[in-house]
Amino acid sequence: MPRSKLTAAAIADVCARLINRESKTSIQKRAGMGGSTIDRIIAALQEHGLALDGYVAPRFDADREARLHELFRTTNMSNRRIVGETGVPLSTVNKSRERFNLALVQAGGELPRCGCGQYLHHPRLCWARTLDSMKRKGVASVHTLEPETKADVHRRLLMGQTARSIAERVGLSKALVRSYLRTLTREERQQREAAFRTNAGRRRAASAAKRIARPFATNPTSDPLYAAIAAAVPRAIDPALRDDMISQAYLEVLEGRLTKDQLVEGVKKVRSRIFQAFANPWGNLSLDAAIEDDSGRAMIERIPAGTSAFA
């Protein structure tokens, strides 16, 4: 059998502590003994007729307990704030709060409720306290928005709108709006997914219809040759005549009748021909043009039928 390392002085010290009703946990820490060793010492003392009463934890001071209950009844301070005010450990304040609440309920009172649904100042953190802390610190989140704005974000998410459009509306980032999706229930997520797919299909259909019904128009000025010819024609000319001049000059360059080296002089000649053909009051007139009198008749109506048939 191995020799015990306990000395008579150590055993006597433990016996004295047990007689003084010191807790077994405290003796283990001070003497460095195991719980089974202390149990054997207690059994030996009881065999020799020494009755050891169980350890009774000291009660909290009644005056300080009354002060805590007064703070619970007259203020809305949290347990941690009360710890800072009184210096009482948090575990003691929590237990005193539980005793106060129990006595209040037994007396027929009703406990005030926290935003999370539990009683006010309950131990451990909750989402309502976290939200209040975020608002005080100015943290940007969907949860810190006004109730009307938050409800609008929730409704738009269920309608299938994109997170980007909602973020631009409320002034938040896209990531913050997407993080709010985690708070939706399973049914709400399914509803949003169905609405989102429907809206996406409508956007794709509208885009396809727009491409078919409205093809992209070509920009003639993107052609350097066309742009150079357009720069040589003054903008003061009537737009219809100006377009004809540019198109005619462009066609003559493609056909080789007008060279790029003499582009400015050639465009001037084209302008003259267009003016002569379409904007000359003394040139050829159309037979369908109205006569400048009060009759309103056309030139072709003054030609005899026989002559026109012979012609």
C-alpha atoms as a PDB file:
ATOM      1  CA  MET A   1       0.000   0.000   0.000  1.00  0.00           C
ATOM      2  CA  PRO A   2       1.539   3.361  -0.965  1.00  0.00           C
ATOM      3  CA  ARG A   3       2.487   5.698   1.799  1.00  0.00           C
ATOM      4  CA  SER A   4       0.168   8.702   2.227  1.00  0.00           C
ATOM      5  CA  LYS A   5       1.600  12.154   1.583  1.00  0.00           C
ATOM      6  CA  LEU A   6      -0.762  13.796   4.072  1.00  0.00           C
ATOM      7  CA  THR A   7       0.788  15.028   7.261  1.00  0.00           C
ATOM      8  CA  ALA A   8      -0.855  15.166  10.656  1.00  0.00           C
ATOM      9  CA  ALA A   9      -0.785  18.964  10.523  1.00  0.00           C
ATOM     10  CA  ALA A  10      -2.597  19.026   7.177  1.00  0.00           C
ATOM     11  CA  ILE A  11      -5.257  16.621   8.444  1.00  0.00           C
ATOM     12  CA  ALA A  12      -5.687  18.641  11.635  1.00  0.00           C
ATOM     13  CA  ASP A  13      -6.077  21.823   9.582  1.00  0.00           C
ATOM     14  CA  VAL A  14      -8.776  20.217   7.486  1.00  0.00           C
ATOM     15  CA  CYS A  15     -10.587  18.971  10.608  1.00  0.00           C
ATOM     16  CA  ALA A  16     -10.496  22.463  12.096  1.00  0.00           C
ATOM     17  CA  ARG A  17     -11.908  23.985   8.943  1.00  0.00           C
ATOM     18  CA  LEU A  18     -14.686  21.408   8.843  1.00  0.00           C
ATOM     19  CA  ILE A  19     -15.578  22.094  12.468  1.00  0.00           C
ATOM     20  CA  ASN A  20     -15.716  25.846  11.639  1.00  0.00           C
ATOM     21  CA  ARG A  21     -18.246  24.954   8.905  1.00  0.00           C
ATOM     22  CA  GLU A  22     -16.042  25.995   6.021  1.00  0.00           C
ATOM     23  CA  SER A  23     -17.224  24.738   2.648  1.00  0.00           C
ATOM     24  CA  LYS A  24     -15.656  21.702   1.095  1.00  0.00           C
ATOM     25  CA  THR A  25     -14.858  23.630  -2.097  1.00  0.00           C
ATOM     26  CA  SER A  26     -12.940  26.231  -0.130  1.00  0.00           C
ATOM     27  CA  ILE A  27     -10.982  23.536   1.735  1.00  0.00           C
ATOM     28  CA  GLN A  28     -10.051  21.855  -1.549  1.00  0.00           C
ATOM     29  CA  LYS A  29      -8.638  25.109  -2.875  1.00  0.00           C
ATOM     30  CA  ARG A  30      -6.723  25.965   0.288  1.00  0.00           C
ATOM     31  CA  ALA A  31      -5.389  22.519   1.217  1.00  0.00           C
ATOM     32  CA  GLY A  32      -4.956  21.187  -2.305  1.00  0.00           C
ATOM     33  CA  MET A  33      -6.798  17.951  -1.487  1.00  0.00           C
ATOM     34  CA  GLY A  34      -9.259  15.998  -3.542  1.00  0.00           C
ATOM     35  CA  GLY A  35     -12.916  15.761  -2.744  1.00  0.00           C
ATOM     36  CA  SER A  36     -12.717  12.017  -1.891  1.00  0.00           C
ATOM     37  CA  THR A  37      -9.962  12.639   0.656  1.00  0.00           C
ATOM     38  CA  ILE A  38     -12.032  15.276   2.432  1.00  0.00           C
ATOM     39  CA  ASP A  39     -15.037  12.940   2.378  1.00  0.00           C
ATOM     40  CA  ARG A  40     -12.978  10.239   4.175  1.00  0.00           C
ATOM     41  CA  ILE A  41     -11.912  12.777   6.830  1.00  0.00           C
ATOM     42  CA  ILE A  42     -15.556  13.788   7.344  1.00  0.00           C
ATOM     43  CA  ALA A  43     -16.584  10.117   7.671  1.00  0.00           C
ATOM     44  CA  ALA A  44     -13.828   9.503  10.234  1.00  0.00           C
ATOM     45  CA  LEU A  45     -14.919  12.489  12.314  1.00  0.00           C
ATOM     46  CA  GLN A  46     -18.541  11.324  12.244  1.00  0.00           C
ATOM     47  CA  GLU A  47     -17.487   7.805  13.366  1.00  0.00           C
ATOM     48  CA  HIS A  48     -15.865   9.348  16.456  1.00  0.00           C
ATOM     49  CA  GLY A  49     -19.124  11.035  17.382  1.00  0.00           C
ATOM     50  CA  LEU A  50     -18.477  14.513  15.963  1.00  0.00           C
ATOM     51  CA  ALA A  51     -21.621  15.702  14.197  1.00  0.00           C
ATOM     52  CA  LEU A  52     -20.775  18.110  11.354  1.00  0.00           C
ATOM     53  CA  ASP A  53     -23.563  20.345  10.136  1.00  0.00           C
ATOM     54  CA  GLY A  54     -23.753  20.986   6.457  1.00  0.00           C
ATOM     55  CA  TYR A  55     -22.243  24.155   5.087  1.00  0.00           C
ATOM     56  CA  VAL A  56     -24.706  27.032   5.013  1.00  0.00           C
ATOM     57  CA  ALA A  57     -23.932  29.752   2.499  1.00  0.00           C
ATOM     58  CA  PRO A  58     -23.893  33.199   4.070  1.00  0.00           C
ATOM     59  CA  ARG A  59     -26.957  35.218   3.196  1.00  0.00           C
ATOM     60  CA  PHE A  60     -26.619  38.460   1.307  1.00  0.00           C
ATOM     61  CA  ASP A  61     -26.657  41.526   3.523  1.00  0.00           C
ATOM     62  CA  ALA A  62     -30.278  42.557   4.155  1.00  0.00           C
ATOM     63  CA  ASP A  63     -29.592  46.276   3.786  1.00  0.00           C
ATOM     64  CA  ARG A  64     -27.909  45.854   0.413  1.00  0.00           C
ATOM     65  CA  GLU A  65     -30.681  43.474  -0.663  1.00  0.00           C
ATOM     66  CA  ALA A  66     -33.243  46.140   0.247  1.00  0.00           C
ATOM     67  CA  ARG A  67     -31.298  48.726  -1.738  1.00  0.00           C
ATOM     68  CA  LEU A  68     -31.254  46.472  -4.778  1.00  0.00           C
ATOM     69  CA  HIS A  69     -34.996  45.850  -4.514  1.00  0.00           C
ATOM     70  CA  GLU A  70     -35.570  49.595  -4.280  1.00  0.00           C
ATOM     71  CA  LEU A  71     -33.588  50.095  -7.494  1.00  0.00           C
ATOM     72  CA  PHE A  72     -35.563  47.299  -9.169  1.00  0.00           C
ATOM     73  CA  ARG A  73     -38.864  48.901  -8.161  1.00  0.00           C
ATOM     74  CA  THR A  74     -38.117  52.600  -8.881  1.00  0.00           C
ATOM     75  CA  THR A  75     -35.730  52.526 -11.865  1.00  0.00           C
ATOM     76  CA  ASN A  76     -35.346  50.834 -15.233  1.00  0.00           C
ATOM     77  CA  MET A  77     -31.622  50.324 -14.803  1.00  0.00           C
ATOM     78  CA  SER A  78     -30.207  47.117 -16.191  1.00  0.00           C
ATOM     79  CA  ASN A  79     -28.446  44.613 -13.952  1.00  0.00           C
ATOM     80  CA  ARG A  80     -25.067  45.634 -15.349  1.00  0.00           C
ATOM     81  CA  ARG A  81     -25.722  49.302 -14.641  1.00  0.00           C
ATOM     82  CA  ILE A  82     -26.743  48.410 -11.097  1.00  0.00           C
ATOM     83  CA  VAL A  83     -23.442  46.560 -10.749  1.00  0.00           C
ATOM     84  CA  GLY A  84     -21.633  49.753 -11.691  1.00  0.00           C
ATOM     85  CA  GLU A  85     -23.698  51.805  -9.257  1.00  0.00           C
ATOM     86  CA  THR A  86     -23.531  49.497  -6.227  1.00  0.00           C
ATOM     87  CA  GLY A  87     -20.414  47.400  -6.749  1.00  0.00           C
ATOM     88  CA  VAL A  88     -22.358  44.194  -6.117  1.00  0.00           C
ATOM     89  CA  PRO A  89     -21.276  41.235  -8.301  1.00  0.00           C
ATOM     90  CA  LEU A  90     -23.428  40.584 -11.343  1.00  0.00           C
ATOM     91  CA  SER A  91     -24.337  37.041 -10.267  1.00  0.00           C
ATOM     92  CA  THR A  92     -25.617  38.392  -6.949  1.00  0.00           C
ATOM     93  CA  VAL A  93     -27.665  41.101  -8.693  1.00  0.00           C
ATOM     94  CA  ASN A  94     -29.166  38.523 -11.056  1.00  0.00           C
ATOM     95  CA  LYS A  95     -30.222  36.267  -8.167  1.00  0.00           C
ATOM     96  CA  SER A  96     -31.630  39.222  -6.247  1.00  0.00           C
ATOM     97  CA  ARG A  97     -33.590  40.236  -9.357  1.00  0.00           C
ATOM     98  CA  GLU A  98     -35.057  36.720  -9.556  1.00  0.00           C
ATOM     99  CA  ARG A  99     -36.143  36.843  -5.900  1.00  0.00           C
ATOM    100  CA  PHE A 100     -37.688  40.282  -6.412  1.00  0.00           C
ATOM    101  CA  ASN A 101     -39.611  39.142  -9.487  1.00  0.00           C
ATOM    102  CA  LEU A 102     -40.835  36.024  -7.710  1.00  0.00           C
ATOM    103  CA  ALA A 103     -42.098  38.058  -4.755  1.00  0.00           C
ATOM    104  CA  LEU A 104     -43.776  40.548  -7.095  1.00  0.00           C
ATOM    105  CA  VAL A 105     -45.623  37.813  -8.998  1.00  0.00           C
ATOM    106  CA  GLN A 106     -46.712  36.075  -5.788  1.00  0.00           C
ATOM    107  CA  ALA A 107     -48.094  39.405  -4.545  1.00  0.00           C
ATOM    108  CA  GLY A 108     -50.290  39.660  -7.649  1.00  0.00           C
ATOM    109  CA  GLY A 109     -48.131  42.147  -9.556  1.00  0.00           C
ATOM    110  CA  GLU A 110     -47.187  41.962 -13.220  1.00  0.00           C
ATOM    111  CA  LEU A 111     -43.648  42.122 -14.518  1.00  0.00           C
ATOM    112  CA  PRO A 112     -42.880  44.721 -17.209  1.00  0.00           C
ATOM    113  CA  ARG A 113     -42.032  43.179 -20.557  1.00  0.00           C
ATOM    114  CA  CYS A 114     -38.938  43.589 -22.672  1.00  0.00           C
ATOM    115  CA  GLY A 115     -39.101  44.153 -26.405  1.00  0.00           C
ATOM    116  CA  CYS A 116     -38.117  40.525 -26.981  1.00  0.00           C
ATOM    117  CA  GLY A 117     -41.163  39.278 -25.041  1.00  0.00           C
ATOM    118  CA  GLN A 118     -39.424  38.269 -21.802  1.00  0.00           C
ATOM    119  CA  TYR A 119     -39.688  40.208 -18.575  1.00  0.00           C
ATOM    120  CA  LEU A 120     -37.783  43.477 -18.347  1.00  0.00           C
ATOM    121  CA  HIS A 121     -34.080  43.311 -17.414  1.00  0.00           C
ATOM    122  CA  HIS A 122     -33.920  39.577 -17.825  1.00  0.00           C
ATOM    123  CA  PRO A 123     -30.424  38.056 -17.686  1.00  0.00           C
ATOM    124  CA  ARG A 124     -28.489  37.437 -20.911  1.00  0.00           C
ATOM    125  CA  LEU A 125     -28.624  39.568 -24.017  1.00  0.00           C
ATOM    126  CA  CYS A 126     -31.588  39.689 -26.399  1.00  0.00           C
ATOM    127  CA  TRP A 127     -32.281  41.079 -29.855  1.00  0.00           C
ATOM    128  CA  ALA A 128     -34.177  44.098 -28.454  1.00  0.00           C
ATOM    129  CA  ARG A 129     -31.164  45.227 -26.431  1.00  0.00           C
ATOM    130  CA  THR A 130     -28.867  44.593 -29.355  1.00  0.00           C
ATOM    131  CA  LEU A 131     -31.110  46.721 -31.582  1.00  0.00           C
ATOM    132  CA  ASP A 132     -31.120  49.571 -29.080  1.00  0.00           C
ATOM    133  CA  SER A 133     -27.343  49.408 -28.851  1.00  0.00           C
ATOM    134  CA  MET A 134     -27.020  49.512 -32.648  1.00  0.00           C
ATOM    135  CA  LYS A 135     -29.283  52.567 -32.828  1.00  0.00           C
ATOM    136  CA  ARG A 136     -27.281  54.391 -30.149  1.00  0.00           C
ATOM    137  CA  LYS A 137     -24.014  53.642 -31.944  1.00  0.00           C
ATOM    138  CA  GLY A 138     -25.410  54.657 -35.347  1.00  0.00           C
ATOM    139  CA  VAL A 139     -24.876  51.242 -36.951  1.00  0.00           C
ATOM    140  CA  ALA A 140     -26.440  51.072 -40.430  1.00  0.00           C
ATOM    141  CA  SER A 141     -28.879  48.186 -40.785  1.00  0.00           C
ATOM    142  CA  VAL A 142     -32.401  47.431 -41.933  1.00  0.00           C
ATOM    143  CA  HIS A 143     -33.302  46.770 -38.281  1.00  0.00           C
ATOM    144  CA  THR A 144     -32.324  50.329 -37.287  1.00  0.00           C
ATOM    145  CA  LEU A 145     -34.631  51.946 -39.848  1.00  0.00           C
ATOM    146  CA  GLU A 146     -37.925  53.530 -38.920  1.00  0.00           C
ATOM    147  CA  PRO A 147     -40.770  51.023 -38.512  1.00  0.00           C
ATOM    148  CA  GLU A 148     -42.562  52.295 -41.645  1.00  0.00           C
ATOM    149  CA  THR A 149     -39.388  52.083 -43.751  1.00  0.00           C
ATOM    150  CA  LYS A 150     -38.543  48.647 -42.390  1.00  0.00           C
ATOM    151  CA  ALA A 151     -42.061  47.404 -43.201  1.00  0.00           C
ATOM    152  CA  ASP A 152     -41.716  48.831 -46.720  1.00  0.00           C
ATOM    153  CA  VAL A 153     -38.413  46.956 -47.208  1.00  0.00           C
ATOM    154  CA  HIS A 154     -40.063  43.752 -45.995  1.00  0.00           C
ATOM    155  CA  ARG A 155     -43.003  44.236 -48.379  1.00  0.00           C
ATOM    156  CA  ARG A 156     -40.767  44.967 -51.377  1.00  0.00           C
ATOM    157  CA  LEU A 157     -38.679  41.869 -50.702  1.00  0.00           C
ATOM    158  CA  LEU A 158     -41.825  39.741 -50.717  1.00  0.00           C
ATOM    159  CA  MET A 159     -42.850  41.438 -53.994  1.00  0.00           C
ATOM    160  CA  GLY A 160     -39.663  40.103 -55.586  1.00  0.00           C
ATOM    161  CA  GLN A 161     -37.838  43.393 -56.087  1.00  0.00           C
ATOM    162  CA  THR A 162     -34.060  43.258 -56.351  1.00  0.00           C
ATOM    163  CA  ALA A 163     -31.873  44.010 -53.345  1.00  0.00           C
ATOM    164  CA  ARG A 164     -30.056  46.705 -55.353  1.00  0.00           C
ATOM    165  CA  SER A 165     -33.209  48.703 -56.084  1.00  0.00           C
ATOM    166  CA  ILE A 166     -34.361  48.456 -52.466  1.00  0.00           C
ATOM    167  CA  ALA A 167     -30.921  49.491 -51.185  1.00  0.00           C
ATOM    168  CA  GLU A 168     -30.922  52.578 -53.417  1.00  0.00           C
ATOM    169  CA  ARG A 169     -34.378  53.504 -52.141  1.00  0.00           C
ATOM    170  CA  VAL A 170     -33.551  53.307 -48.403  1.00  0.00           C
ATOM    171  CA  GLY A 171     -29.926  54.466 -48.630  1.00  0.00           C
ATOM    172  CA  LEU A 172     -28.234  51.235 -47.520  1.00  0.00           C
ATOM    173  CA  SER A 173     -25.801  48.883 -49.185  1.00  0.00           C
ATOM    174  CA  LYS A 174     -26.907  45.855 -51.155  1.00  0.00           C
ATOM    175  CA  ALA A 175     -25.173  43.529 -48.673  1.00  0.00           C
ATOM    176  CA  LEU A 176     -27.195  44.914 -45.741  1.00  0.00           C
ATOM    177  CA  VAL A 177     -30.473  44.354 -47.577  1.00  0.00           C
ATOM    178  CA  ARG A 178     -29.453  40.811 -48.510  1.00  0.00           C
ATOM    179  CA  SER A 179     -28.483  40.092 -44.888  1.00  0.00           C
ATOM    180  CA  TYR A 180     -32.045  41.009 -43.881  1.00  0.00           C
ATOM    181  CA  LEU A 181     -33.291  38.067 -45.958  1.00  0.00           C
ATOM    182  CA  ARG A 182     -32.090  35.747 -43.174  1.00  0.00           C
ATOM    183  CA  THR A 183     -34.883  37.049 -40.943  1.00  0.00           C
ATOM    184  CA  LEU A 184     -37.613  35.879 -43.332  1.00  0.00           C
ATOM    185  CA  THR A 185     -39.531  32.733 -42.579  1.00  0.00           C
ATOM    186  CA  ARG A 186     -39.473  29.732 -44.872  1.00  0.00           C
ATOM    187  CA  GLU A 187     -42.874  30.603 -46.360  1.00  0.00           C
ATOM    188  CA  GLU A 188     -41.804  34.211 -46.945  1.00  0.00           C
ATOM    189  CA  ARG A 189     -38.619  33.080 -48.684  1.00  0.00           C
ATOM    190  CA  GLN A 190     -40.615  30.816 -50.992  1.00  0.00           C
ATOM    191  CA  GLN A 191     -43.001  33.683 -51.732  1.00  0.00           C
ATOM    192  CA  ARG A 192     -40.090  36.028 -52.536  1.00  0.00           C
ATOM    193  CA  GLU A 193     -38.378  33.464 -54.752  1.00  0.00           C
ATOM    194  CA  ALA A 194     -41.563  32.908 -56.793  1.00  0.00           C
ATOM    195  CA  ALA A 195     -42.181  36.657 -57.166  1.00  0.00           C
ATOM    196  CA  PHE A 196     -38.518  37.282 -58.016  1.00  0.00           C
ATOM    197  CA  ARG A 197     -38.559  34.672 -60.793  1.00  0.00           C
ATOM    198  CA  THR A 198     -41.783  36.124 -62.199  1.00  0.00           C
ATOM    199  CA  ASN A 199     -40.366  39.662 -62.277  1.00  0.00           C
ATOM    200  CA  ALA A 200     -37.121  38.460 -63.822  1.00  0.00           C
ATOM    201  CA  GLY A 201     -39.049  36.692 -66.595  1.00  0.00           C
ATOM    202  CA  ARG A 202     -41.071  39.836 -67.286  1.00  0.00           C
ATOM    203  CA  ARG A 203     -37.900  41.940 -67.497  1.00  0.00           C
ATOM    204  CA  ARG A 204     -36.302  39.510 -69.937  1.00  0.00           C
ATOM    205  CA  ALA A 205     -39.459  39.398 -72.076  1.00  0.00           C
ATOM    206  CA  ALA A 206     -39.685  43.202 -72.162  1.00  0.00           C
ATOM    207  CA  SER A 207     -36.027  43.478 -73.118  1.00  0.00           C
ATOM    208  CA  ALA A 208     -36.439  40.920 -75.914  1.00  0.00           C
ATOM    209  CA  ALA A 209     -39.562  42.667 -77.220  1.00  0.00           C
ATOM    210  CA  LYS A 210     -37.755  45.988 -77.197  1.00  0.00           C
ATOM    211  CA  ARG A 211     -34.882  44.585 -79.243  1.00  0.00           C
ATOM    212  CA  ILE A 212     -37.306  43.129 -81.793  1.00  0.00           C
ATOM    213  CA  ALA A 213     -39.671  46.101 -82.069  1.00  0.00           C
ATOM    214  CA  ARG A 214     -37.036  48.810 -81.828  1.00  0.00           C
ATOM    215  CA  PRO A 215     -33.779  47.793 -83.497  1.00  0.00           C
ATOM    216  CA  PHE A 216     -30.776  49.884 -82.677  1.00  0.00           C
ATOM    217  CA  ALA A 217     -30.363  52.746 -85.168  1.00  0.00           C
ATOM    218  CA  THR A 218     -26.966  53.197 -86.794  1.00  0.00           C
ATOM    219  CA  ASN A 219     -25.169  56.460 -86.222  1.00  0.00           C
ATOM    220  CA  PRO A 220     -23.987  57.802 -89.592  1.00  0.00           C
ATOM    221  CA  THR A 221     -21.473  60.137 -87.972  1.00  0.00           C
ATOM    222  CA  SER A 222     -19.584  57.099 -86.681  1.00  0.00           C
ATOM    223  CA  ASP A 223     -18.252  56.767 -90.270  1.00  0.00           C
ATOM    224  CA  PRO A 224     -15.250  59.131 -90.622  1.00  0.00           C
ATOM    225  CA  LEU A 225     -16.022  59.786 -94.316  1.00  0.00           C
ATOM    226  CA  TYR A 226     -19.650  60.654 -93.590  1.00  0.00           C
ATOM    227  CA  ALA A 227     -18.574  62.886 -90.722  1.00  0.00           C
ATOM    228  CA  ALA A 228     -16.081  64.749 -92.945  1.00  0.00           C
ATOM    229  CA  ILE A 229     -18.728  65.325 -95.631  1.00  0.00           C
ATOM    230  CA  ALA A 230     -21.262  66.489 -92.998  1.00  0.00           C
ATOM    231  CA  ALA A 231     -18.696  68.982 -91.656  1.00  0.00           C
ATOM    232  CA  ALA A 232     -18.300  70.485 -95.165  1.00  0.00           C
ATOM    233  CA  VAL A 233     -22.054  71.176 -95.479  1.00  0.00           C
ATOM    234  CA  PRO A 234     -23.267  74.221 -93.466  1.00  0.00           C
ATOM    235  CA  ARG A 235     -25.900  73.551 -90.835  1.00  0.00           C
ATOM    236  CA  ALA A 236     -27.831  76.674 -91.870  1.00  0.00           C
ATOM    237  CA  ILE A 237     -29.189  74.813 -94.894  1.00  0.00           C
ATOM    238  CA  ASP A 238     -32.633  73.252 -94.665  1.00  0.00           C
ATOM    239  CA  PRO A 239     -32.254  69.827 -92.930  1.00  0.00           C
ATOM    240  CA  ALA A 240     -33.941  67.947 -95.784  1.00  0.00           C
ATOM    241  CA  LEU A 241     -31.696  69.520 -98.431  1.00  0.00           C
ATOM    242  CA  ARG A 242     -28.632  69.107 -96.214  1.00  0.00           C
ATOM    243  CA  ASP A 243     -29.272  65.362 -95.799  1.00  0.00           C
ATOM    244  CA  ASP A 244     -29.645  65.016 -99.592  1.00  0.00           C
ATOM    245  CA  MET A 245     -26.351  66.869-100.152  1.00  0.00           C
ATOM    246  CA  ILE A 246     -24.453  64.693 -97.692  1.00  0.00           C
ATOM    247  CA  SER A 247     -25.925  61.469 -99.079  1.00  0.00           C
ATOM    248  CA  GLN A 248     -25.221  62.488-102.705  1.00  0.00           C
ATOM    249  CA  ALA A 249     -21.627  63.435-101.919  1.00  0.00           C
ATOM    250  CA  TYR A 250     -21.093  60.214 -99.996  1.00  0.00           C
ATOM    251  CA  LEU A 251     -22.478  58.204-102.951  1.00  0.00           C
ATOM    252  CA  GLU A 252     -20.188  60.001-105.413  1.00  0.00           C
ATOM    253  CA  VAL A 253     -17.151  59.230-103.281  1.00  0.00           C
ATOM    254  CA  LEU A 254     -18.106  55.545-103.207  1.00  0.00           C
ATOM    255  CA  GLU A 255     -18.608  55.549-106.979  1.00  0.00           C
ATOM    256  CA  GLY A 256     -15.232  57.216-107.557  1.00  0.00           C
ATOM    257  CA  ARG A 257     -16.616  60.436-109.076  1.00  0.00           C
ATOM    258  CA  LEU A 258     -15.372  62.437-106.101  1.00  0.00           C
ATOM    259  CA  THR A 259     -11.944  61.945-104.494  1.00  0.00           C
ATOM    260  CA  LYS A 260     -11.136  62.429-100.847  1.00  0.00           C
ATOM    261  CA  ASP A 261      -8.347  64.866-101.693  1.00  0.00           C
ATOM    262  CA  GLN A 262     -10.836  67.285-103.265  1.00  0.00           C
ATOM    263  CA  LEU A 263     -13.648  66.600-100.868  1.00  0.00           C
ATOM    264  CA  VAL A 264     -14.420  70.218 -99.947  1.00  0.00           C
ATOM    265  CA  GLU A 265     -14.532  71.437-103.562  1.00  0.00           C
ATOM    266  CA  GLY A 266     -16.564  68.416-104.645  1.00  0.00           C
ATOM    267  CA  VAL A 267     -19.097  68.930-101.828  1.00  0.00           C
ATOM    268  CA  LYS A 268     -19.570  72.540-102.964  1.00  0.00           C
ATOM    269  CA  LYS A 269     -20.453  71.311-106.462  1.00  0.00           C
ATOM    270  CA  VAL A 270     -22.892  68.792-105.042  1.00  0.00           C
ATOM    271  CA  ARG A 271     -24.532  71.575-102.997  1.00  0.00           C
ATOM    272  CA  SER A 272     -24.960  73.678-106.113  1.00  0.00           C
ATOM    273  CA  ARG A 273     -26.588  70.844-108.044  1.00  0.00           C
ATOM    274  CA  ILE A 274     -28.985  70.077-105.165  1.00  0.00           C
ATOM    275  CA  PHE A 275     -29.946  73.736-104.882  1.00  0.00           C
ATOM    276  CA  GLN A 276     -30.419  73.955-108.656  1.00  0.00           C
ATOM    277  CA  ALA A 277     -32.616  70.874-108.771  1.00  0.00           C
ATOM    278  CA  PHE A 278     -34.720  71.212-105.624  1.00  0.00           C
ATOM    279  CA  ALA A 279     -34.470  74.776-104.353  1.00  0.00           C
ATOM    280  CA  ASN A 280     -34.460  76.909-107.557  1.00  0.00           C
ATOM    281  CA  PRO A 281     -37.620  79.074-107.935  1.00  0.00           C
ATOM    282  CA  TRP A 282     -36.772  79.628-111.642  1.00  0.00           C
ATOM    283  CA  GLY A 283     -35.991  76.057-112.511  1.00  0.00           C
ATOM    284  CA  ASN A 284     -38.225  73.176-113.489  1.00  0.00           C
ATOM    285  CA  LEU A 285     -41.555  73.030-111.710  1.00  0.00           C
ATOM    286  CA  SER A 286     -43.744  70.041-111.022  1.00  0.00           C
ATOM    287  CA  LEU A 287     -47.045  69.798-112.887  1.00  0.00           C
ATOM    288  CA  ASP A 288     -48.671  68.834-109.582  1.00  0.00           C
ATOM    289  CA  ALA A 289     -47.653  72.126-107.982  1.00  0.00           C
ATOM    290  CA  ALA A 290     -50.474  74.584-107.270  1.00  0.00           C
ATOM    291  CA  ILE A 291     -50.744  77.731-109.400  1.00  0.00           C
ATOM    292  CA  GLU A 292     -50.067  80.915-107.490  1.00  0.00           C
ATOM    293  CA  ASP A 293     -53.587  82.322-107.800  1.00  0.00           C
ATOM    294  CA  ASP A 294     -56.810  82.077-105.909  1.00  0.00           C
ATOM    295  CA  SER A 295     -58.141  79.132-107.893  1.00  0.00           C
ATOM    296  CA  GLY A 296     -56.004  76.551-106.095  1.00  0.00           C
ATOM    297  CA  ARG A 297     -55.759  74.506-109.338  1.00  0.00           C
ATOM    298  CA  ALA A 298     -52.612  72.606-110.366  1.00  0.00           C
ATOM    299  CA  MET A 299     -50.621  73.214-113.552  1.00  0.00           C
ATOM    300  CA  ILE A 300     -51.608  69.853-115.022  1.00  0.00           C
ATOM    301  CA  GLU A 301     -55.295  70.817-114.869  1.00  0.00           C
ATOM    302  CA  ARG A 302     -54.716  73.650-117.373  1.00  0.00           C
ATOM    303  CA  ILE A 303     -53.377  71.290-120.053  1.00  0.00           C
ATOM    304  CA  PRO A 304     -56.065  70.186-122.530  1.00  0.00           C
ATOM    305  CA  ALA A 305     -56.945  66.549-122.461  1.00  0.00           C
ATOM    306  CA  GLY A 306     -56.201  65.956-126.127  1.00  0.00           C
ATOM    307  CA  THR A 307     -52.794  67.531-125.934  1.00  0.00           C
ATOM    308  CA  SER A 308     -51.865  65.581-122.843  1.00  0.00           C
ATOM    309  CA  ALA A 309     -53.039  62.356-124.492  1.00  0.00           C
ATOM    310  CA  PHE A 310     -51.035  63.186-127.622  1.00  0.00           C
ATOM    311  CA  ALA A 311     -48.020  64.006-125.512  1.00  0.00           C
END
